[in-house]
C-alpha cells in the first residue's frame, strides 16, 4: 500500500489505479466481471473506479455509498476545474474584461 499512496501523490490517480490493478488483480476481478469497465474507469473516472474497487468485494451497502459518492465528486471536480480556471481566456467573458 505504500507504493500505491506514493504513486497516487506523485503521479496521479490514473497511474495509481494501474499500479493497484497490477498488484492486486484478484480484487479488481471481484469488483468487475470484465477488463473493459475498469479500463474505461481508470481513464475517465479514476477516483470513482478506485472507490468502487475499494468497497465492492465485500458488497456495496450502507456507508460504502459515501465513498463512491466522494469518488464521483472528485472526478466531477477534476473534469470541471479546467473550464473554471480558464474562464478568463474566453473573449467576451465577464472575467476577461
PDB file of N, CA and C in Angstrom:
ATOM      1  N   UNK A   1       0.810  -1.200   0.000  1.00  0.00           N
ATOM      2  CA  UNK A   1       0.000   0.000   0.000  1.00  0.00           C
ATOM      3  C   UNK A   1       0.853   1.263   0.000  1.00  0.00           C
ATOM      4  N   UNK A   2       2.074   1.188   0.468  1.00  0.00           N
ATOM      5  CA  UNK A   2       2.935   2.359   0.484  1.00  0.00           C
ATOM      6  C   UNK A   2       3.228   2.840  -0.936  1.00  0.00           C
ATOM      7  N   UNK A   3       3.482   1.918  -1.849  1.00  0.00           N
ATOM      8  CA  UNK A   3       3.744   2.291  -3.246  1.00  0.00           C
ATOM      9  C   UNK A   3       2.503   2.913  -3.869  1.00  0.00           C
ATOM     10  N   UNK A   4       1.333   2.407  -3.494  1.00  0.00           N
ATOM     11  CA  UNK A   4       0.077   2.938  -4.031  1.00  0.00           C
ATOM     12  C   UNK A   4      -0.105   4.401  -3.645  1.00  0.00           C
ATOM     13  N   UNK A   5       0.083   4.722  -2.374  1.00  0.00           N
ATOM     14  CA  UNK A   5      -0.094   6.090  -1.918  1.00  0.00           C
ATOM     15  C   UNK A   5       0.972   7.027  -2.483  1.00  0.00           C
ATOM     16  N   UNK A   6       2.186   6.543  -2.604  1.00  0.00           N
ATOM     17  CA  UNK A   6       3.249   7.367  -3.167  1.00  0.00           C
ATOM     18  C   UNK A   6       2.964   7.689  -4.628  1.00  0.00           C
ATOM     19  N   UNK A   7       2.568   6.676  -5.397  1.00  0.00           N
ATOM     20  CA  UNK A   7       2.255   6.934  -6.805  1.00  0.00           C
ATOM     21  C   UNK A   7       1.017   7.800  -6.939  1.00  0.00           C
ATOM     22  N   UNK A   8       0.074   7.660  -6.045  1.00  0.00           N
ATOM     23  CA  UNK A   8      -1.120   8.499  -6.067  1.00  0.00           C
ATOM     24  C   UNK A   8      -0.750   9.964  -5.862  1.00  0.00           C
ATOM     25  N   UNK A   9       0.138  10.232  -4.942  1.00  0.00           N
ATOM     26  CA  UNK A   9       0.532  11.611  -4.666  1.00  0.00           C
ATOM     27  C   UNK A   9       1.426  12.190  -5.757  1.00  0.00           C
ATOM     28  N   UNK A  10       2.335  11.393  -6.283  1.00  0.00           N
ATOM     29  CA  UNK A  10       3.307  11.917  -7.228  1.00  0.00           C
ATOM     30  C   UNK A  10       2.838  11.885  -8.678  1.00  0.00           C
ATOM     31  N   UNK A  11       2.107  10.864  -9.071  1.00  0.00           N
ATOM     32  CA  UNK A  11       1.779  10.682 -10.473  1.00  0.00           C
ATOM     33  C   UNK A  11       0.299  10.823 -10.793  1.00  0.00           C
ATOM     34  N   UNK A  12      -0.554  10.791  -9.803  1.00  0.00           N
ATOM     35  CA  UNK A  12      -1.971  10.978 -10.050  1.00  0.00           C
ATOM     36  C   UNK A  12      -2.780   9.700  -9.926  1.00  0.00           C
ATOM     37  N   UNK A  13      -4.099   9.837  -9.956  1.00  0.00           N
ATOM     38  CA  UNK A  13      -4.971   8.698  -9.712  1.00  0.00           C
ATOM     39  C   UNK A  13      -4.959   7.652 -10.826  1.00  0.00           C
ATOM     40  N   UNK A  14      -4.681   8.047 -12.054  1.00  0.00           N
ATOM     41  CA  UNK A  14      -4.673   7.066 -13.149  1.00  0.00           C
ATOM     42  C   UNK A  14      -3.522   6.084 -13.005  1.00  0.00           C
ATOM     43  N   UNK A  15      -2.355   6.601 -12.724  1.00  0.00           N
ATOM     44  CA  UNK A  15      -1.187   5.731 -12.538  1.00  0.00           C
ATOM     45  C   UNK A  15      -1.361   4.885 -11.283  1.00  0.00           C
ATOM     46  N   UNK A  16      -1.901   5.471 -10.237  1.00  0.00           N
ATOM     47  CA  UNK A  16      -2.145   4.708  -9.014  1.00  0.00           C
ATOM     48  C   UNK A  16      -3.132   3.580  -9.266  1.00  0.00           C
ATOM     49  N   UNK A  17      -4.170   3.835 -10.066  1.00  0.00           N
ATOM     50  CA  UNK A  17      -5.134   2.789 -10.404  1.00  0.00           C
ATOM     51  C   UNK A  17      -4.507   1.668 -11.205  1.00  0.00           C
ATOM     52  N   UNK A  18      -3.642   2.005 -12.142  1.00  0.00           N
ATOM     53  CA  UNK A  18      -2.967   0.980 -12.941  1.00  0.00           C
ATOM     54  C   UNK A  18      -2.027   0.158 -12.084  1.00  0.00           C
ATOM     55  N   UNK A  19      -1.291   0.806 -11.178  1.00  0.00           N
ATOM     56  CA  UNK A  19      -0.395   0.071 -10.283  1.00  0.00           C
ATOM     57  C   UNK A  19      -1.199  -0.835  -9.358  1.00  0.00           C
ATOM     58  N   UNK A  20      -2.305  -0.326  -8.816  1.00  0.00           N
ATOM     59  CA  UNK A  20      -3.147  -1.137  -7.927  1.00  0.00           C
ATOM     60  C   UNK A  20      -3.712  -2.324  -8.683  1.00  0.00           C
ATOM     61  N   UNK A  21      -4.133  -2.106  -9.924  1.00  0.00           N
ATOM     62  CA  UNK A  21      -4.663  -3.183 -10.761  1.00  0.00           C
ATOM     63  C   UNK A  21      -3.595  -4.246 -11.008  1.00  0.00           C
ATOM     64  N   UNK A  22      -2.350  -3.825 -11.222  1.00  0.00           N
ATOM     65  CA  UNK A  22      -1.262  -4.767 -11.470  1.00  0.00           C
ATOM     66  C   UNK A  22      -0.879  -5.536 -10.204  1.00  0.00           C
ATOM     67  N   UNK A  23      -0.947  -4.878  -9.039  1.00  0.00           N
ATOM     68  CA  UNK A  23      -0.543  -5.522  -7.799  1.00  0.00           C
ATOM     69  C   UNK A  23      -1.618  -6.422  -7.196  1.00  0.00           C
ATOM     70  N   UNK A  24      -2.891  -6.065  -7.381  1.00  0.00           N
ATOM     71  CA  UNK A  24      -3.991  -6.846  -6.809  1.00  0.00           C
ATOM     72  C   UNK A  24      -5.060  -7.130  -7.862  1.00  0.00           C
ATOM     73  N   UNK A  25      -4.745  -7.915  -8.888  1.00  0.00           N
ATOM     74  CA  UNK A  25      -5.750  -8.180  -9.925  1.00  0.00           C
ATOM     75  C   UNK A  25      -6.954  -8.968  -9.414  1.00  0.00           C
ATOM     76  N   UNK A  26      -6.774  -9.753  -8.350  1.00  0.00           N
ATOM     77  CA  UNK A  26      -7.903 -10.513  -7.800  1.00  0.00           C
ATOM     78  C   UNK A  26      -8.986  -9.583  -7.280  1.00  0.00           C
ATOM     79  N   UNK A  27      -8.582  -8.523  -6.616  1.00  0.00           N
ATOM     80  CA  UNK A  27      -9.547  -7.563  -6.060  1.00  0.00           C
ATOM     81  C   UNK A  27     -10.342  -6.907  -7.187  1.00  0.00           C
ATOM     82  N   UNK A  28      -9.659  -6.556  -8.284  1.00  0.00           N
ATOM     83  CA  UNK A  28     -10.330  -5.933  -9.425  1.00  0.00           C
ATOM     84  C   UNK A  28     -11.241  -6.938 -10.126  1.00  0.00           C
ATOM     85  N   UNK A  29     -10.837  -8.218 -10.162  1.00  0.00           N
ATOM     86  CA  UNK A  29     -11.688  -9.244 -10.765  1.00  0.00           C
ATOM     87  C   UNK A  29     -12.953  -9.459  -9.946  1.00  0.00           C
ATOM     88  N   UNK A  30     -12.861  -9.301  -8.625  1.00  0.00           N
ATOM     89  CA  UNK A  30     -14.055  -9.413  -7.788  1.00  0.00           C
ATOM     90  C   UNK A  30     -15.003  -8.231  -8.001  1.00  0.00           C
ATOM     91  N   UNK A  31     -14.449  -7.069  -8.276  1.00  0.00           N
ATOM     92  CA  UNK A  31     -15.266  -5.873  -8.444  1.00  0.00           C
ATOM     93  C   UNK A  31     -15.899  -5.806  -9.833  1.00  0.00           C
ATOM     94  N   UNK A  32     -15.183  -6.261 -10.864  1.00  0.00           N
ATOM     95  CA  UNK A  32     -15.669  -6.171 -12.234  1.00  0.00           C
ATOM     96  C   UNK A  32     -15.613  -7.540 -12.900  1.00  0.00           C
ATOM     97  N   UNK A  33     -16.567  -7.799 -13.785  1.00  0.00           N
ATOM     98  CA  UNK A  33     -16.596  -9.092 -14.455  1.00  0.00           C
ATOM     99  C   UNK A  33     -15.761  -9.117 -15.727  1.00  0.00           C
ATOM    100  N   UNK A  34     -15.378  -7.974 -16.237  1.00  0.00           N
ATOM    101  CA  UNK A  34     -14.580  -7.886 -17.454  1.00  0.00           C
ATOM    102  C   UNK A  34     -13.515  -6.810 -17.289  1.00  0.00           C
ATOM    103  N   UNK A  35     -12.516  -6.818 -18.138  1.00  0.00           N
ATOM    104  CA  UNK A  35     -11.433  -5.833 -18.056  1.00  0.00           C
ATOM    105  C   UNK A  35     -11.832  -4.497 -18.667  1.00  0.00           C
ATOM    106  N   UNK A  36     -12.925  -4.465 -19.424  1.00  0.00           N
ATOM    107  CA  UNK A  36     -13.316  -3.263 -20.155  1.00  0.00           C
ATOM    108  C   UNK A  36     -13.753  -2.129 -19.221  1.00  0.00           C
ATOM    109  N   UNK A  37     -14.588  -2.435 -18.230  1.00  0.00           N
ATOM    110  CA  UNK A  37     -15.086  -1.397 -17.318  1.00  0.00           C
ATOM    111  C   UNK A  37     -13.985  -0.771 -16.471  1.00  0.00           C
ATOM    112  N   UNK A  38     -13.090  -1.553 -15.888  1.00  0.00           N
ATOM    113  CA  UNK A  38     -12.024  -0.881 -15.131  1.00  0.00           C
ATOM    114  C   UNK A  38     -11.087  -0.066 -16.018  1.00  0.00           C
ATOM    115  N   UNK A  39     -10.882  -0.499 -17.264  1.00  0.00           N
ATOM    116  CA  UNK A  39     -10.029   0.281 -18.158  1.00  0.00           C
ATOM    117  C   UNK A  39     -10.655   1.648 -18.436  1.00  0.00           C
ATOM    118  N   UNK A  40     -11.941   1.658 -18.797  1.00  0.00           N
ATOM    119  CA  UNK A  40     -12.631   2.932 -19.003  1.00  0.00           C
ATOM    120  C   UNK A  40     -12.677   3.747 -17.708  1.00  0.00           C
ATOM    121  N   UNK A  41     -12.855   3.066 -16.591  1.00  0.00           N
ATOM    122  CA  UNK A  41     -12.911   3.752 -15.311  1.00  0.00           C
ATOM    123  C   UNK A  41     -11.611   4.440 -14.952  1.00  0.00           C
ATOM    124  N   UNK A  42     -10.495   3.766 -15.171  1.00  0.00           N
ATOM    125  CA  UNK A  42      -9.203   4.356 -14.848  1.00  0.00           C
ATOM    126  C   UNK A  42      -8.920   5.551 -15.754  1.00  0.00           C
ATOM    127  N   UNK A  43      -9.368   5.497 -16.995  1.00  0.00           N
ATOM    128  CA  UNK A  43      -9.113   6.599 -17.926  1.00  0.00           C
ATOM    129  C   UNK A  43     -10.036   7.788 -17.661  1.00  0.00           C
ATOM    130  N   UNK A  44     -11.338   7.541 -17.505  1.00  0.00           N
ATOM    131  CA  UNK A  44     -12.307   8.636 -17.440  1.00  0.00           C
ATOM    132  C   UNK A  44     -12.763   9.004 -16.028  1.00  0.00           C
ATOM    133  N   UNK A  45     -12.789   8.077 -15.113  1.00  0.00           N
ATOM    134  CA  UNK A  45     -13.253   8.345 -13.747  1.00  0.00           C
ATOM    135  C   UNK A  45     -12.404   7.560 -12.747  1.00  0.00           C
ATOM    136  N   UNK A  46     -11.134   7.929 -12.590  1.00  0.00           N
ATOM    137  CA  UNK A  46     -10.249   7.121 -11.749  1.00  0.00           C
ATOM    138  C   UNK A  46     -10.617   7.098 -10.276  1.00  0.00           C
ATOM    139  N   UNK A  47     -11.056   8.226  -9.723  1.00  0.00           N
ATOM    140  CA  UNK A  47     -11.415   8.254  -8.291  1.00  0.00           C
ATOM    141  C   UNK A  47     -12.636   7.392  -8.018  1.00  0.00           C
ATOM    142  N   UNK A  48     -13.625   7.454  -8.880  1.00  0.00           N
ATOM    143  CA  UNK A  48     -14.819   6.635  -8.708  1.00  0.00           C
ATOM    144  C   UNK A  48     -14.476   5.153  -8.829  1.00  0.00           C
ATOM    145  N   UNK A  49     -13.657   4.818  -9.806  1.00  0.00           N
ATOM    146  CA  UNK A  49     -13.274   3.419 -10.015  1.00  0.00           C
ATOM    147  C   UNK A  49     -12.517   2.873  -8.820  1.00  0.00           C
ATOM    148  N   UNK A  50     -11.559   3.647  -8.309  1.00  0.00           N
ATOM    149  CA  UNK A  50     -10.801   3.169  -7.152  1.00  0.00           C
ATOM    150  C   UNK A  50     -11.677   3.077  -5.904  1.00  0.00           C
ATOM    151  N   UNK A  51     -12.613   3.998  -5.746  1.00  0.00           N
ATOM    152  CA  UNK A  51     -13.541   3.916  -4.615  1.00  0.00           C
ATOM    153  C   UNK A  51     -14.391   2.662  -4.712  1.00  0.00           C
ATOM    154  N   UNK A  52     -14.864   2.360  -5.928  1.00  0.00           N
ATOM    155  CA  UNK A  52     -15.696   1.170  -6.118  1.00  0.00           C
ATOM    156  C   UNK A  52     -14.893  -0.105  -5.855  1.00  0.00           C
ATOM    157  N   UNK A  53     -13.668  -0.164  -6.347  1.00  0.00           N
ATOM    158  CA  UNK A  53     -12.833  -1.346  -6.127  1.00  0.00           C
ATOM    159  C   UNK A  53     -12.521  -1.513  -4.639  1.00  0.00           C
ATOM    160  N   UNK A  54     -12.415  -0.428  -3.933  1.00  0.00           N
ATOM    161  CA  UNK A  54     -12.139  -0.482  -2.502  1.00  0.00           C
ATOM    162  C   UNK A  54     -13.279  -1.129  -1.729  1.00  0.00           C
ATOM    163  N   UNK A  55     -14.524  -0.832  -2.102  1.00  0.00           N
ATOM    164  CA  UNK A  55     -15.669  -1.312  -1.324  1.00  0.00           C
ATOM    165  C   UNK A  55     -16.418  -2.474  -1.962  1.00  0.00           C
ATOM    166  N   UNK A  56     -16.271  -2.727  -3.247  1.00  0.00           N
ATOM    167  CA  UNK A  56     -17.104  -3.703  -3.948  1.00  0.00           C
ATOM    168  C   UNK A  56     -16.879  -5.165  -3.556  1.00  0.00           C
ATOM    169  N   UNK A  57     -15.664  -5.632  -3.293  1.00  0.00           N
ATOM    170  CA  UNK A  57     -15.509  -7.056  -2.988  1.00  0.00           C
ATOM    171  C   UNK A  57     -16.333  -7.535  -1.791  1.00  0.00           C
ATOM    172  N   UNK A  58     -16.595  -6.682  -0.830  1.00  0.00           N
ATOM    173  CA  UNK A  58     -17.408  -7.060   0.326  1.00  0.00           C
ATOM    174  C   UNK A  58     -18.889  -6.763   0.100  1.00  0.00           C
ATOM    175  N   UNK A  59     -19.226  -6.170  -1.035  1.00  0.00           N
ATOM    176  CA  UNK A  59     -20.610  -5.787  -1.306  1.00  0.00           C
ATOM    177  C   UNK A  59     -20.828  -4.326  -0.959  1.00  0.00           C
ATOM    178  N   UNK A  60     -21.459  -3.613  -1.857  1.00  0.00           N
ATOM    179  CA  UNK A  60     -21.685  -2.183  -1.645  1.00  0.00           C
ATOM    180  C   UNK A  60     -23.002  -2.012  -0.903  1.00  0.00           C
ATOM    181  N   UNK A  61     -22.912  -1.515   0.323  1.00  0.00           N
ATOM    182  CA  UNK A  61     -24.126  -1.284   1.109  1.00  0.00           C
ATOM    183  C   UNK A  61     -23.847  -0.224   2.163  1.00  0.00           C
ATOM    184  N   UNK A  62     -24.871   0.489   2.506  1.00  0.00           N
ATOM    185  CA  UNK A  62     -24.792   1.461   3.595  1.00  0.00           C
ATOM    186  C   UNK A  62     -23.770   2.561   3.386  1.00  0.00           C
ATOM    187  N   UNK A  63     -22.820   2.626   4.294  1.00  0.00           N
ATOM    188  CA  UNK A  63     -21.806   3.676   4.331  1.00  0.00           C
ATOM    189  C   UNK A  63     -20.874   3.628   3.117  1.00  0.00           C
ATOM    190  N   UNK A  64     -20.816   2.490   2.436  1.00  0.00           N
ATOM    191  CA  UNK A  64     -19.949   2.359   1.261  1.00  0.00           C
ATOM    192  C   UNK A  64     -20.349   3.324   0.148  1.00  0.00           C
ATOM    193  N   UNK A  65     -21.620   3.645   0.055  1.00  0.00           N
ATOM    194  CA  UNK A  65     -22.073   4.576  -0.982  1.00  0.00           C
ATOM    195  C   UNK A  65     -21.461   5.960  -0.793  1.00  0.00           C
ATOM    196  N   UNK A  66     -21.126   6.320   0.435  1.00  0.00           N
ATOM    197  CA  UNK A  66     -20.477   7.605   0.685  1.00  0.00           C
ATOM    198  C   UNK A  66     -19.110   7.658   0.014  1.00  0.00           C
ATOM    199  N   UNK A  67     -18.343   6.574   0.092  1.00  0.00           N
ATOM    200  CA  UNK A  67     -17.021   6.537  -0.537  1.00  0.00           C
ATOM    201  C   UNK A  67     -17.136   6.645  -2.053  1.00  0.00           C
ATOM    202  N   UNK A  68     -18.116   5.969  -2.613  1.00  0.00           N
ATOM    203  CA  UNK A  68     -18.321   6.049  -4.061  1.00  0.00           C
ATOM    204  C   UNK A  68     -18.753   7.461  -4.447  1.00  0.00           C
ATOM    205  N   UNK A  69     -19.618   8.079  -3.659  1.00  0.00           N
ATOM    206  CA  UNK A  69     -20.060   9.453  -3.942  1.00  0.00           C
ATOM    207  C   UNK A  69     -18.892  10.434  -3.859  1.00  0.00           C
ATOM    208  N   UNK A  70     -17.985  10.236  -2.901  1.00  0.00           N
ATOM    209  CA  UNK A  70     -16.803  11.095  -2.812  1.00  0.00           C
ATOM    210  C   UNK A  70     -15.904  10.920  -4.041  1.00  0.00           C
ATOM    211  N   UNK A  71     -15.818   9.701  -4.543  1.00  0.00           N
ATOM    212  CA  UNK A  71     -15.063   9.467  -5.768  1.00  0.00           C
ATOM    213  C   UNK A  71     -15.690  10.167  -6.960  1.00  0.00           C
ATOM    214  N   UNK A  72     -17.016  10.119  -7.054  1.00  0.00           N
ATOM    215  CA  UNK A  72     -17.720  10.810  -8.136  1.00  0.00           C
ATOM    216  C   UNK A  72     -17.484  12.316  -8.038  1.00  0.00           C
ATOM    217  N   UNK A  73     -17.584  12.854  -6.830  1.00  0.00           N
ATOM    218  CA  UNK A  73     -17.345  14.293  -6.647  1.00  0.00           C
ATOM    219  C   UNK A  73     -15.917  14.685  -7.034  1.00  0.00           C
ATOM    220  N   UNK A  74     -14.943  13.853  -6.695  1.00  0.00           N
ATOM    221  CA  UNK A  74     -13.555  14.148  -7.063  1.00  0.00           C
ATOM    222  C   UNK A  74     -13.381  14.128  -8.580  1.00  0.00           C
ATOM    223  N   UNK A  75     -14.023  13.175  -9.261  1.00  0.00           N
ATOM    224  CA  UNK A  75     -13.930  13.121 -10.722  1.00  0.00           C
ATOM    225  C   UNK A  75     -14.632  14.303 -11.374  1.00  0.00           C
ATOM    226  N   UNK A  76     -15.796  14.672 -10.866  1.00  0.00           N
ATOM    227  CA  UNK A  76     -16.509  15.835 -11.412  1.00  0.00           C
ATOM    228  C   UNK A  76     -15.686  17.100 -11.193  1.00  0.00           C
ATOM    229  N   UNK A  77     -15.067  17.230 -10.035  1.00  0.00           N
ATOM    230  CA  UNK A  77     -14.229  18.396  -9.761  1.00  0.00           C
ATOM    231  C   UNK A  77     -13.035  18.440 -10.707  1.00  0.00           C
ATOM    232  N   UNK A  78     -12.467  17.300 -11.007  1.00  0.00           N
ATOM    233  CA  UNK A  78     -11.336  17.253 -11.937  1.00  0.00           C
ATOM    234  C   UNK A  78     -11.763  17.696 -13.331  1.00  0.00           C
ATOM    235  N   UNK A  79     -12.881  17.174 -13.821  1.00  0.00           N
ATOM    236  CA  UNK A  79     -13.308  17.484 -15.186  1.00  0.00           C
ATOM    237  C   UNK A  79     -13.816  18.913 -15.333  1.00  0.00           C
ATOM    238  N   UNK A  80     -14.344  19.515 -14.282  1.00  0.00           N
ATOM    239  CA  UNK A  80     -14.888  20.868 -14.399  1.00  0.00           C
ATOM    240  C   UNK A  80     -13.898  21.959 -13.990  1.00  0.00           C
ATOM    241  N   UNK A  81     -12.836  21.612 -13.304  1.00  0.00           N
ATOM    242  CA  UNK A  81     -11.908  22.640 -12.829  1.00  0.00           C
ATOM    243  C   UNK A  81     -11.166  23.315 -13.968  1.00  0.00           C
ATOM    244  N   UNK A  82     -10.903  22.621 -15.053  1.00  0.00           N
ATOM    245  CA  UNK A  82     -10.209  23.233 -16.184  1.00  0.00           C
ATOM    246  C   UNK A  82     -11.027  24.337 -16.826  1.00  0.00           C
ATOM    247  N   UNK A  83     -12.313  24.117 -16.951  1.00  0.00           N
ATOM    248  CA  UNK A  83     -13.180  25.141 -17.539  1.00  0.00           C
ATOM    249  C   UNK A  83     -13.263  26.357 -16.621  1.00  0.00           C
ATOM    250  N   UNK A  84     -13.362  26.131 -15.340  1.00  0.00           N
ATOM    251  CA  UNK A  84     -13.462  27.246 -14.395  1.00  0.00           C
ATOM    252  C   UNK A  84     -12.152  28.022 -14.338  1.00  0.00           C
ATOM    253  N   UNK A  85     -11.040  27.330 -14.339  1.00  0.00           N
ATOM    254  CA  UNK A  85      -9.755  28.005 -14.252  1.00  0.00           C
ATOM    255  C   UNK A  85      -9.409  28.799 -15.505  1.00  0.00           C
ATOM    256  N   UNK A  86      -9.915  28.403 -16.661  1.00  0.00           N
ATOM    257  CA  UNK A  86      -9.597  29.078 -17.920  1.00  0.00           C
ATOM    258  C   UNK A  86     -10.721  29.981 -18.406  1.00  0.00           C
ATOM    259  N   UNK A  87     -11.662  30.314 -17.560  1.00  0.00           N
ATOM    260  CA  UNK A  87     -12.798  31.118 -17.989  1.00  0.00           C
ATOM    261  C   UNK A  87     -12.383  32.510 -18.439  1.00  0.00           C
ATOM    262  N   UNK A  88     -11.288  33.036 -17.925  1.00  0.00           N
ATOM    263  CA  UNK A  88     -10.821  34.359 -18.293  1.00  0.00           C
ATOM    264  C   UNK A  88     -10.185  34.434 -19.677  1.00  0.00           C
ATOM    265  N   UNK A  89      -9.884  33.306 -20.256  1.00  0.00           N
ATOM    266  CA  UNK A  89      -9.262  33.284 -21.585  1.00  0.00           C
ATOM    267  C   UNK A  89     -10.262  33.442 -22.722  1.00  0.00           C
ATOM    268  N   UNK A  90     -11.510  33.269 -22.430  1.00  0.00           N
ATOM    269  CA  UNK A  90     -12.539  33.394 -23.468  1.00  0.00           C
ATOM    270  C   UNK A  90     -12.794  34.855 -23.766  1.00  0.00           C
ATOM    271  N   UNK A  91     -12.741  35.254 -25.022  1.00  0.00           N
ATOM    272  CA  UNK A  91     -13.043  36.646 -25.349  1.00  0.00           C
ATOM    273  C   UNK A  91     -14.524  36.954 -25.107  1.00  0.00           C
ATOM    274  N   UNK A  92     -14.775  38.073 -24.500  1.00  0.00           N
ATOM    275  CA  UNK A  92     -16.136  38.474 -24.228  1.00  0.00           C
ATOM    276  C   UNK A  92     -16.699  37.975 -22.922  1.00  0.00           C
ATOM    277  N   UNK A  93     -15.926  37.177 -22.170  1.00  0.00           N
ATOM    278  CA  UNK A  93     -16.439  36.708 -20.878  1.00  0.00           C
ATOM    279  C   UNK A  93     -16.321  37.832 -19.854  1.00  0.00           C
ATOM    280  N   UNK A  94     -17.121  37.757 -18.835  1.00  0.00           N
ATOM    281  CA  UNK A  94     -17.196  38.824 -17.835  1.00  0.00           C
ATOM    282  C   UNK A  94     -15.858  38.966 -17.080  1.00  0.00           C
ATOM    283  N   UNK A  95     -15.165  37.858 -16.826  1.00  0.00           N
ATOM    284  CA  UNK A  95     -13.940  37.932 -16.043  1.00  0.00           C
ATOM    285  C   UNK A  95     -12.737  38.328 -16.888  1.00  0.00           C
ATOM    286  N   UNK A  96     -12.850  38.321 -18.236  1.00  0.00           N
ATOM    287  CA  UNK A  96     -11.735  38.678 -19.092  1.00  0.00           C
ATOM    288  C   UNK A  96     -11.568  40.195 -19.224  1.00  0.00           C
ATOM    289  N   UNK A  97     -12.578  40.944 -18.878  1.00  0.00           N
ATOM    290  CA  UNK A  97     -12.530  42.399 -19.064  1.00  0.00           C
ATOM    291  C   UNK A  97     -11.915  43.119 -17.905  1.00  0.00           C
TER     292      UNK A  97
END
